[in-house]
N, C-alpha and C. Protein backbone atom coordinates (compact mmCIF):
# COMPACT_ATOMS: atom_id res chain seq x y z
N MET A 1 -108.38 34.82 88.05
CA MET A 1 -108.36 36.25 88.01
C MET A 1 -107.29 36.74 88.97
N ALA A 2 -106.26 37.36 88.48
CA ALA A 2 -105.15 37.82 89.31
C ALA A 2 -105.57 39.03 90.13
N GLY A 3 -105.04 39.12 91.34
CA GLY A 3 -105.28 40.28 92.18
C GLY A 3 -106.57 40.24 92.97
N THR A 4 -107.26 39.12 93.02
CA THR A 4 -108.49 39.04 93.80
C THR A 4 -108.28 38.11 94.99
N GLY A 5 -109.06 38.33 96.02
CA GLY A 5 -108.95 37.50 97.21
C GLY A 5 -110.22 37.56 98.02
N ARG A 6 -110.21 36.85 99.14
CA ARG A 6 -111.35 36.84 100.06
C ARG A 6 -110.86 37.35 101.41
N VAL A 7 -111.69 38.13 102.07
CA VAL A 7 -111.40 38.62 103.42
C VAL A 7 -112.33 37.88 104.38
N LEU A 8 -111.74 37.22 105.36
CA LEU A 8 -112.50 36.47 106.35
C LEU A 8 -112.34 37.14 107.71
N VAL A 9 -113.45 37.38 108.40
CA VAL A 9 -113.41 38.03 109.71
C VAL A 9 -113.89 37.03 110.76
N GLN A 10 -113.02 36.68 111.68
CA GLN A 10 -113.29 35.74 112.77
C GLN A 10 -113.96 34.46 112.27
N THR A 11 -113.43 33.92 111.20
CA THR A 11 -113.93 32.70 110.59
C THR A 11 -112.91 31.59 110.83
N PRO A 12 -113.36 30.38 111.15
CA PRO A 12 -112.40 29.28 111.32
C PRO A 12 -111.52 29.11 110.08
N LEU A 13 -110.24 28.96 110.32
CA LEU A 13 -109.27 28.80 109.24
C LEU A 13 -108.66 27.41 109.35
N PRO A 14 -109.14 26.45 108.55
CA PRO A 14 -108.63 25.08 108.67
C PRO A 14 -107.16 24.99 108.27
N LEU A 15 -106.31 24.64 109.24
CA LEU A 15 -104.88 24.53 108.99
C LEU A 15 -104.39 23.09 109.01
N GLY A 16 -105.25 22.19 109.34
CA GLY A 16 -104.88 20.78 109.39
C GLY A 16 -106.09 19.97 109.81
N GLU A 17 -105.85 18.71 110.01
CA GLU A 17 -106.95 17.81 110.37
C GLU A 17 -107.58 18.17 111.72
N PHE A 18 -106.77 18.67 112.66
CA PHE A 18 -107.27 18.93 114.00
C PHE A 18 -107.14 20.39 114.42
N SER A 19 -106.91 21.29 113.48
CA SER A 19 -106.65 22.68 113.84
C SER A 19 -107.44 23.63 112.95
N ALA A 20 -108.21 24.52 113.60
CA ALA A 20 -108.97 25.54 112.87
C ALA A 20 -109.09 26.79 113.74
N PRO A 21 -107.98 27.53 113.92
CA PRO A 21 -108.06 28.75 114.72
C PRO A 21 -108.97 29.79 114.06
N ARG A 22 -109.42 30.76 114.84
CA ARG A 22 -110.29 31.83 114.35
C ARG A 22 -109.53 33.15 114.42
N PRO A 23 -108.72 33.48 113.43
CA PRO A 23 -108.01 34.76 113.48
C PRO A 23 -108.99 35.92 113.36
N ASP A 24 -108.57 37.08 113.85
CA ASP A 24 -109.42 38.26 113.75
C ASP A 24 -109.68 38.63 112.30
N LEU A 25 -108.69 38.45 111.45
CA LEU A 25 -108.84 38.75 110.02
C LEU A 25 -107.90 37.85 109.23
N ALA A 26 -108.37 37.35 108.10
CA ALA A 26 -107.53 36.55 107.21
C ALA A 26 -107.85 36.92 105.77
N VAL A 27 -106.83 36.93 104.93
CA VAL A 27 -107.01 37.17 103.50
C VAL A 27 -106.53 35.92 102.77
N THR A 28 -107.40 35.37 101.94
CA THR A 28 -107.06 34.16 101.18
C THR A 28 -107.23 34.44 99.68
N THR A 29 -106.74 33.52 98.88
CA THR A 29 -106.95 33.62 97.45
C THR A 29 -108.44 33.43 97.17
N ALA A 30 -108.90 34.01 96.07
CA ALA A 30 -110.32 33.91 95.72
C ALA A 30 -110.68 32.53 95.19
N THR A 31 -109.72 31.87 94.55
CA THR A 31 -109.96 30.54 94.00
C THR A 31 -109.12 29.53 94.76
N PRO A 32 -109.59 28.30 94.87
CA PRO A 32 -108.81 27.28 95.59
C PRO A 32 -107.44 27.07 94.96
N HIS A 33 -106.47 26.86 95.84
CA HIS A 33 -105.10 26.57 95.43
C HIS A 33 -105.07 25.16 94.83
N TRP A 34 -104.22 24.93 93.87
CA TRP A 34 -104.17 23.63 93.20
C TRP A 34 -103.82 22.49 94.14
N ASP A 35 -103.10 22.78 95.22
CA ASP A 35 -102.65 21.73 96.15
C ASP A 35 -103.74 21.46 97.20
N GLY A 36 -104.53 20.46 97.00
CA GLY A 36 -105.53 20.06 97.98
C GLY A 36 -106.86 20.75 97.83
N GLY A 37 -107.02 21.61 96.85
CA GLY A 37 -108.29 22.28 96.63
C GLY A 37 -108.68 23.30 97.69
N ARG A 38 -107.72 23.74 98.51
CA ARG A 38 -108.03 24.73 99.55
C ARG A 38 -107.58 26.11 99.08
N HIS A 39 -108.17 27.13 99.67
CA HIS A 39 -107.75 28.49 99.40
C HIS A 39 -106.41 28.74 100.09
N ARG A 40 -105.50 29.39 99.43
CA ARG A 40 -104.20 29.70 100.03
C ARG A 40 -104.33 30.95 100.89
N THR A 41 -103.88 30.87 102.12
CA THR A 41 -103.96 32.00 103.03
C THR A 41 -102.75 32.90 102.83
N LEU A 42 -102.99 34.18 102.59
CA LEU A 42 -101.93 35.13 102.30
C LEU A 42 -101.56 35.97 103.52
N LEU A 43 -102.55 36.28 104.36
CA LEU A 43 -102.34 37.18 105.50
C LEU A 43 -103.26 36.78 106.63
N VAL A 44 -102.74 36.79 107.86
CA VAL A 44 -103.53 36.54 109.06
C VAL A 44 -103.23 37.64 110.06
N ILE A 45 -104.27 38.19 110.67
CA ILE A 45 -104.09 39.22 111.70
C ILE A 45 -104.77 38.74 112.98
N GLU A 46 -104.00 38.70 114.05
CA GLU A 46 -104.50 38.39 115.39
C GLU A 46 -104.24 39.61 116.26
N VAL A 47 -105.27 40.16 116.85
CA VAL A 47 -105.09 41.32 117.73
C VAL A 47 -104.82 40.80 119.13
N ALA A 48 -103.64 41.14 119.66
CA ALA A 48 -103.24 40.66 120.99
C ALA A 48 -103.87 41.54 122.06
N GLY A 49 -104.37 40.90 123.09
CA GLY A 49 -104.92 41.62 124.23
C GLY A 49 -103.84 41.90 125.26
N ALA A 50 -104.23 41.89 126.50
CA ALA A 50 -103.29 42.18 127.58
C ALA A 50 -102.27 41.07 127.75
N SER A 51 -102.60 39.85 127.32
CA SER A 51 -101.71 38.71 127.50
C SER A 51 -101.26 38.17 126.15
N PRO A 52 -100.09 38.59 125.65
CA PRO A 52 -99.63 38.10 124.35
C PRO A 52 -99.34 36.60 124.33
N THR A 53 -99.16 35.97 125.48
CA THR A 53 -98.90 34.52 125.49
C THR A 53 -100.15 33.76 125.07
N ARG A 54 -101.33 34.35 125.24
CA ARG A 54 -102.57 33.69 124.85
C ARG A 54 -102.64 33.49 123.34
N THR A 55 -102.04 34.40 122.57
CA THR A 55 -102.08 34.31 121.11
C THR A 55 -100.81 33.68 120.54
N ALA A 56 -99.91 33.21 121.40
CA ALA A 56 -98.65 32.62 120.90
C ALA A 56 -98.89 31.29 120.20
N GLY A 57 -99.83 30.49 120.68
CA GLY A 57 -100.10 29.19 120.08
C GLY A 57 -100.44 29.26 118.61
N PRO A 58 -101.42 30.09 118.21
CA PRO A 58 -101.76 30.17 116.79
C PRO A 58 -100.61 30.64 115.90
N ARG A 59 -99.69 31.44 116.42
CA ARG A 59 -98.57 31.89 115.59
C ARG A 59 -97.75 30.72 115.08
N PHE A 60 -97.55 29.71 115.91
CA PHE A 60 -96.80 28.54 115.49
C PHE A 60 -97.58 27.75 114.43
N LEU A 61 -98.90 27.70 114.56
CA LEU A 61 -99.73 27.04 113.56
C LEU A 61 -99.63 27.76 112.22
N TYR A 62 -99.67 29.09 112.24
CA TYR A 62 -99.59 29.87 111.01
C TYR A 62 -98.23 29.69 110.33
N ALA A 63 -97.18 29.66 111.12
CA ALA A 63 -95.84 29.47 110.56
C ALA A 63 -95.72 28.08 109.93
N HIS A 64 -96.24 27.09 110.63
CA HIS A 64 -96.17 25.72 110.12
C HIS A 64 -97.01 25.55 108.84
N ALA A 65 -98.10 26.32 108.72
CA ALA A 65 -98.97 26.25 107.54
C ALA A 65 -98.43 27.05 106.36
N LEU A 66 -97.25 27.67 106.53
CA LEU A 66 -96.60 28.44 105.48
C LEU A 66 -97.43 29.63 105.00
N ILE A 67 -98.10 30.30 105.94
CA ILE A 67 -98.84 31.51 105.63
C ILE A 67 -97.85 32.63 105.40
N ASP A 68 -98.04 33.40 104.35
CA ASP A 68 -97.08 34.43 103.96
C ASP A 68 -96.82 35.47 105.06
N GLU A 69 -97.86 36.03 105.64
CA GLU A 69 -97.73 37.07 106.67
C GLU A 69 -98.71 36.79 107.81
N TYR A 70 -98.21 36.88 109.04
CA TYR A 70 -99.09 36.70 110.20
C TYR A 70 -98.62 37.58 111.33
């Protein structure tokens, strides 16, 4: 079904064997992606607090996971 997705709020987002950050909000496809049977992540939102360096680590994970927008 085109145009549908899932909204995840502070839910672990498995990005690899050893990585599952908890973004504040994530939007994924509603059905699993053909590659590996996982849902494709389309958007990730991390709300930065007073220290933006604290959230810098997950940004590199999101970029490496080829997430469309973060």
